[in-house]
C-alpha cells in the first residue's frame, strides 16, 4: 500500500494540475479521505487489536456498552508505534493501548490524513449482516425456535412489493444484500406476538437505526432520531442476557458498526452544512 499510494504524498503536498469538467485547469490536492473495508481489515489498517475499536479508545470490557469514548487520532497513535520500533515501548505497553506492532503504516507519510476518521463503515457487513442477521436474527431464532419462526414466515400473506420467504429463513443459505434488506422490512411484524415487548423494542431500535443509517443526507432531527434508536436498543438489550440467548455484548460489530455510522453520518452532515 505504501508503494501504491506513494504518488499521493507529493500530490497532497504540492498539488497537481487537473482539467475540470467545465474546462478550467485547477490545482488539486488529492488526499486519502475514506477507506472502506470490513472490521478485520479496519483493525489491520489502523494497527489496532481486534479486541478493541478501530475508531475510538473504548476498552474491551466496555465495548458492548453505549459509552462515549474519545476518538483515536493520527499523531498520538503513530507516536506510540514509532516509540515501540525504537524500543522505548514494550509489547505489553503497546497492547494496553490496543495497538499491534507494525513496522511502518502505509498512511504514516500521507499529508492531511487521519486514518481513524478515514475509516468509513460498511453497511452490508457491519449492519445488515454483522449486527442484524448474524446477531439479532440468531437471538430471536433461539428465543422463538427455528421451526416456529419458519412457520411464521411461511404463513405470511403474500403482498406486492414484499419478499415472501416461502420456506422460512433457517434453510436459506445464500444471503444477498437484497435478502437482508427484505428480511428487515418484515422481521418486526413477523415476530410480533411471539416475543416479549422489551425484545420487540430492542429489535425495533436496531432496525430503526439501520434505516436511518442509509439516509443519503442528514439533519439535526434525523441525527437525533438515529441516536435515540441506538439508545433504545442499548436500554433494552439486557433482555437477551436474561433469556439466556447471549452472555454479553462485547461484540465487535455491535460496537463498531453503529458507532462508526453515527460518527460518519454526523461528519457528513456537518460537511454538507458548511461546504459552500
Protein backbone atom coordinates (compact mmCIF):
# COMPACT_ATOMS: atom_id res chain seq x y z
CA UNK A 1 0.00 0.00 0.00
CA UNK A 2 2.89 2.37 0.69
CA UNK A 3 4.12 1.90 -2.89
CA UNK A 4 0.64 2.19 -4.38
CA UNK A 5 -0.17 5.41 -2.52
CA UNK A 6 3.30 6.95 -2.79
CA UNK A 7 2.21 9.41 -5.55
CA UNK A 8 -0.33 10.86 -3.09
CA UNK A 9 2.45 12.12 -0.81
CA UNK A 10 3.87 14.72 -3.23
CA UNK A 11 0.47 15.37 -4.83
CA UNK A 12 -1.09 16.07 -1.44
CA UNK A 13 1.68 18.49 -0.51
CA UNK A 14 2.38 20.26 -3.82
CA UNK A 15 -0.87 19.71 -5.71
CA UNK A 16 -1.42 18.55 -9.29
CA UNK A 17 -2.94 20.41 -12.23
CA UNK A 18 -6.14 18.80 -13.45
CA UNK A 19 -8.73 19.83 -16.02
CA UNK A 20 -12.22 20.02 -14.53
CA UNK A 21 -15.43 19.17 -16.42
CA UNK A 22 -16.02 22.89 -17.11
CA UNK A 23 -12.68 23.10 -18.95
CA UNK A 24 -10.87 25.10 -16.25
CA UNK A 25 -7.48 23.90 -15.02
CA UNK A 26 -7.33 23.67 -11.23
CA UNK A 27 -4.54 22.82 -8.81
CA UNK A 28 -5.93 19.96 -6.76
CA UNK A 29 -4.58 18.30 -3.62
CA UNK A 30 -5.78 14.66 -3.55
CA UNK A 31 -5.78 13.08 -0.09
CA UNK A 32 -6.85 9.77 1.43
CA UNK A 33 -10.25 10.73 2.86
CA UNK A 34 -12.07 7.38 3.02
CA UNK A 35 -11.07 3.74 3.42
CA UNK A 36 -14.00 1.32 3.10
CA UNK A 37 -13.46 -2.21 4.38
CA UNK A 38 -14.79 -4.80 6.83
CA UNK A 39 -14.00 -4.88 10.54
CA UNK A 40 -10.98 -7.22 10.44
CA UNK A 41 -9.24 -5.17 7.76
CA UNK A 42 -10.15 -1.95 9.57
CA UNK A 43 -8.20 -3.19 12.59
CA UNK A 44 -5.32 -4.25 10.37
CA UNK A 45 -5.15 -0.89 8.58
CA UNK A 46 -5.20 1.25 11.76
CA UNK A 47 -2.79 -1.14 13.55
CA UNK A 48 -5.43 -1.88 16.18
CA UNK A 49 -6.04 -5.12 18.08
CA UNK A 50 -9.27 -6.90 17.13
CA UNK A 51 -10.44 -6.81 20.75
CA UNK A 52 -10.59 -3.00 20.55
CA UNK A 53 -12.43 -0.46 18.44
CA UNK A 54 -10.63 0.93 15.35
CA UNK A 55 -12.41 4.28 15.76
CA UNK A 56 -12.27 5.12 19.48
CA UNK A 57 -10.40 4.29 22.70
CA UNK A 58 -13.14 2.19 24.32
CA UNK A 59 -11.76 -0.62 26.49
CA UNK A 60 -12.60 -4.24 25.60
CA UNK A 61 -14.79 -4.58 28.71
CA UNK A 62 -16.87 -1.51 27.75
CA UNK A 63 -17.14 -2.37 24.08
CA UNK A 64 -20.66 -3.73 24.45
CA UNK A 65 -21.94 -0.55 26.12
CA UNK A 66 -23.20 2.74 24.75
CA UNK A 67 -20.29 4.57 26.41
CA UNK A 68 -18.98 7.61 24.55
CA UNK A 69 -15.19 7.47 24.28
CA UNK A 70 -12.64 9.83 22.82
CA UNK A 71 -11.69 9.01 19.21
CA UNK A 72 -8.31 7.68 18.16
CA UNK A 73 -6.21 10.32 16.42
CA UNK A 74 -3.39 10.09 13.93
CA UNK A 75 -0.40 11.74 15.66
CA UNK A 76 -0.54 10.05 19.12
CA UNK A 77 -1.15 6.55 17.73
CA UNK A 78 1.68 6.92 15.22
CA UNK A 79 3.94 8.19 18.00
CA UNK A 80 3.26 5.07 20.10
CA UNK A 81 4.07 2.79 17.15
CA UNK A 82 7.32 4.66 16.46
CA UNK A 83 8.33 4.51 20.14
CA UNK A 84 7.78 0.73 20.02
CA UNK A 85 10.02 0.47 16.95
CA UNK A 86 12.80 2.28 18.84
CA UNK A 87 12.43 0.02 21.88
CA UNK A 88 11.01 2.74 24.12
CA UNK A 89 7.68 0.93 24.44
CA UNK A 90 7.45 -2.81 25.07
CA UNK A 91 4.89 -5.23 23.63
CA UNK A 92 2.80 -5.25 26.82
CA UNK A 93 2.51 -1.45 26.94
CA UNK A 94 1.59 -1.34 23.26
CA UNK A 95 -1.10 -3.99 23.83
CA UNK A 96 -2.58 -1.97 26.70
CA UNK A 97 -3.08 0.86 24.22
CA UNK A 98 -4.98 -1.53 21.96
CA UNK A 99 -2.33 -1.36 19.24
CA UNK A 100 -0.35 -4.00 17.38
CA UNK A 101 3.26 -3.76 16.24
CA UNK A 102 3.62 -2.59 12.64
CA UNK A 103 6.97 -1.58 11.12
CA UNK A 104 5.65 1.46 9.24
CA UNK A 105 1.94 2.01 8.48
CA UNK A 106 1.32 2.97 4.87
CA UNK A 107 -0.58 6.08 5.99
CA UNK A 108 2.19 7.48 8.17
CA UNK A 109 3.58 9.84 5.49
CA UNK A 110 0.34 10.77 3.73
CA UNK A 111 -0.37 14.52 4.13
CA UNK A 112 -3.59 15.75 5.77
CA UNK A 113 -4.60 12.17 6.54
CA UNK A 114 -6.21 10.90 9.73
CA UNK A 115 -6.68 7.20 9.08
CA UNK A 116 -9.03 6.86 12.05
CA UNK A 117 -11.56 9.28 10.58
CA UNK A 118 -10.93 7.94 7.07
CA UNK A 119 -12.21 4.50 8.10
CA UNK A 120 -15.80 4.51 6.83
CA UNK A 121 -18.47 1.96 7.72
CA UNK A 122 -19.51 -0.93 5.53
CA UNK A 123 -23.30 -1.09 5.78
CA UNK A 124 -23.62 -4.59 4.33
CA UNK A 125 -21.10 -6.40 6.53
CA UNK A 126 -21.37 -4.26 9.65
CA UNK A 127 -25.11 -3.58 9.88
CA UNK A 128 -27.20 -5.73 7.51
CA UNK A 129 -25.17 -8.89 8.04
CA UNK A 130 -23.00 -8.23 11.09
CA UNK A 131 -25.47 -6.71 13.55
CA UNK A 132 -28.86 -7.72 12.20
CA UNK A 133 -28.51 -11.13 10.53
CA UNK A 134 -25.62 -12.66 12.45
CA UNK A 135 -26.74 -11.48 15.89
CA UNK A 136 -30.29 -10.12 16.20
CA UNK A 137 -31.88 -12.77 13.96
CA UNK A 138 -29.85 -15.51 15.67
CA UNK A 139 -31.01 -14.36 19.12
CA UNK A 140 -34.65 -14.25 18.06
CA UNK A 141 -34.35 -17.68 16.44
CA UNK A 142 -33.04 -19.11 19.69
CA UNK A 143 -35.84 -17.47 21.69
CA UNK A 144 -38.69 -18.50 19.40
CA UNK A 145 -37.30 -21.66 17.86
CA UNK A 146 -36.25 -22.11 14.23
CA UNK A 147 -39.28 -24.20 13.25
CA UNK A 148 -41.79 -21.80 14.78
CA UNK A 149 -40.10 -18.81 13.17
CA UNK A 150 -40.06 -20.55 9.79
CA UNK A 151 -43.78 -21.30 10.19
CA UNK A 152 -44.47 -17.61 10.76
CA UNK A 153 -42.65 -16.71 7.55
CA UNK A 154 -44.39 -19.45 5.56
CA UNK A 155 -47.83 -18.34 6.78
CA UNK A 156 -47.20 -14.70 5.94
CA UNK A 157 -49.72 -13.39 3.41
CA UNK A 158 -48.14 -12.56 0.09
CA UNK A 159 -48.09 -8.83 -0.61
CA UNK A 160 -46.92 -6.95 -3.68
CA UNK A 161 -43.51 -5.36 -3.10
CA UNK A 162 -42.54 -7.60 -0.16
CA UNK A 163 -40.40 -10.72 -0.47
CA UNK A 164 -42.16 -13.85 0.73
CA UNK A 165 -39.79 -16.35 2.38
CA UNK A 166 -41.93 -19.35 1.44
CA UNK A 167 -39.60 -21.91 3.04
CA UNK A 168 -38.74 -19.81 6.09
CA UNK A 169 -35.27 -18.44 6.79
CA UNK A 170 -33.44 -21.20 8.66
CA UNK A 171 -32.74 -23.14 5.44
CA UNK A 172 -31.92 -20.04 3.40
CA UNK A 173 -28.18 -20.49 2.76
CA UNK A 174 -27.14 -17.89 0.18
CA UNK A 175 -27.98 -14.46 1.63
CA UNK A 176 -27.51 -11.41 -0.59
CA UNK A 177 -27.63 -7.77 0.43
CA UNK A 178 -31.15 -7.55 -1.03
CA UNK A 179 -32.26 -10.56 1.05
CA UNK A 180 -31.03 -8.87 4.23
CA UNK A 181 -32.94 -5.69 3.39
CA UNK A 182 -36.13 -7.59 2.55
CA UNK A 183 -35.90 -9.54 5.81
CA UNK A 184 -35.50 -6.29 7.76
CA UNK A 185 -38.68 -4.91 6.19
CA UNK A 186 -40.90 -7.69 7.54
CA UNK A 187 -38.99 -9.09 10.52
CA UNK A 188 -40.56 -6.93 13.23
CA UNK A 189 -44.09 -7.78 12.05
CA UNK A 190 -43.34 -11.50 11.85
CA UNK A 191 -42.09 -11.77 15.44
CA UNK A 192 -44.81 -9.55 16.95
CA UNK A 193 -46.79 -11.59 19.48
CA UNK A 194 -44.08 -14.24 19.71
CA UNK A 195 -41.62 -12.39 21.95
CA UNK A 196 -41.76 -10.12 24.99
CA UNK A 197 -42.39 -6.41 24.47
CA UNK A 198 -38.85 -5.45 25.54
CA UNK A 199 -37.41 -7.85 22.95
CA UNK A 200 -39.62 -6.25 20.33
CA UNK A 201 -38.49 -2.80 21.42
CA UNK A 202 -34.79 -3.75 21.22
CA UNK A 203 -35.24 -5.16 17.71
CA UNK A 204 -37.21 -2.10 16.64
CA UNK A 205 -34.41 0.15 17.93
CA UNK A 206 -31.70 -1.54 15.89
CA UNK A 207 -33.89 -1.71 12.78
CA UNK A 208 -34.75 1.99 13.06
CA UNK A 209 -31.04 2.76 13.40
CA UNK A 210 -30.20 0.73 10.28
CA UNK A 211 -32.84 2.59 8.26
CA UNK A 212 -31.62 6.00 9.43
CA UNK A 213 -28.03 4.98 8.64
CA UNK A 214 -29.00 4.53 4.98
CA UNK A 215 -30.14 8.14 4.53
CA UNK A 216 -28.27 9.96 1.79
CA UNK A 217 -28.19 13.15 3.87
CA UNK A 218 -28.93 14.07 7.47
CA UNK A 219 -30.31 16.95 9.51
CA UNK A 220 -30.16 17.62 13.24
CA UNK A 221 -33.56 15.94 13.56
CA UNK A 222 -32.57 12.72 11.76
CA UNK A 223 -29.31 12.52 13.72
CA UNK A 224 -31.24 12.87 16.98
CA UNK A 225 -33.66 10.13 15.92
CA UNK A 226 -30.72 7.94 14.88
CA UNK A 227 -29.11 8.40 18.30
CA UNK A 228 -32.46 7.74 20.01
CA UNK A 229 -32.89 4.49 18.08
CA UNK A 230 -29.43 3.28 19.11
CA UNK A 231 -30.10 4.26 22.72
CA UNK A 232 -33.41 2.35 22.58
CA UNK A 233 -31.55 -0.82 21.63
CA UNK A 234 -28.96 -0.44 24.38
CA UNK A 235 -31.64 0.28 27.00
CA UNK A 236 -33.44 -2.97 26.19
CA UNK A 237 -30.64 -5.32 25.09
CA UNK A 238 -30.22 -6.90 28.56
CA UNK A 239 -33.35 -8.94 27.89
CA UNK A 240 -31.30 -11.19 25.59
CA UNK A 241 -28.99 -11.99 28.52
CA UNK A 242 -31.98 -12.54 30.84
CA UNK A 243 -33.45 -15.01 28.35
CA UNK A 244 -30.13 -16.86 28.14
CA UNK A 245 -29.53 -16.41 24.43
CA UNK A 246 -26.35 -14.38 24.91
CA UNK A 247 -23.77 -13.84 27.65
CA UNK A 248 -22.54 -10.31 26.96
CA UNK A 249 -22.39 -7.66 24.27
CA UNK A 250 -18.64 -7.45 23.86
CA UNK A 251 -19.19 -7.92 20.13
CA UNK A 252 -17.00 -6.01 17.65
CA UNK A 253 -19.68 -5.21 15.09
CA UNK A 254 -22.34 -4.30 17.65
CA UNK A 255 -19.91 -1.63 18.89
CA UNK A 256 -18.02 -0.54 15.80
CA UNK A 257 -20.87 -0.73 13.29
CA UNK A 258 -23.40 1.64 14.92
CA UNK A 259 -20.68 3.88 16.40
CA UNK A 260 -18.92 4.27 13.06
CA UNK A 261 -22.18 5.02 11.25
CA UNK A 262 -23.20 7.56 13.90
CA UNK A 263 -19.86 9.37 13.57
CA UNK A 264 -19.87 9.08 9.78
CA UNK A 265 -23.39 10.50 9.40
CA UNK A 266 -22.62 13.35 11.81
CA UNK A 267 -19.43 14.32 9.95
CA UNK A 268 -21.08 14.15 6.51
CA UNK A 269 -23.96 16.28 7.81
CA UNK A 270 -21.54 18.92 9.12
CA UNK A 271 -19.55 18.83 5.89
CA UNK A 272 -22.68 19.36 3.78
CA UNK A 273 -23.84 22.16 6.08
CA UNK A 274 -20.64 24.19 6.00
CA UNK A 275 -19.48 23.50 2.45
CA UNK A 276 -20.48 26.31 0.05
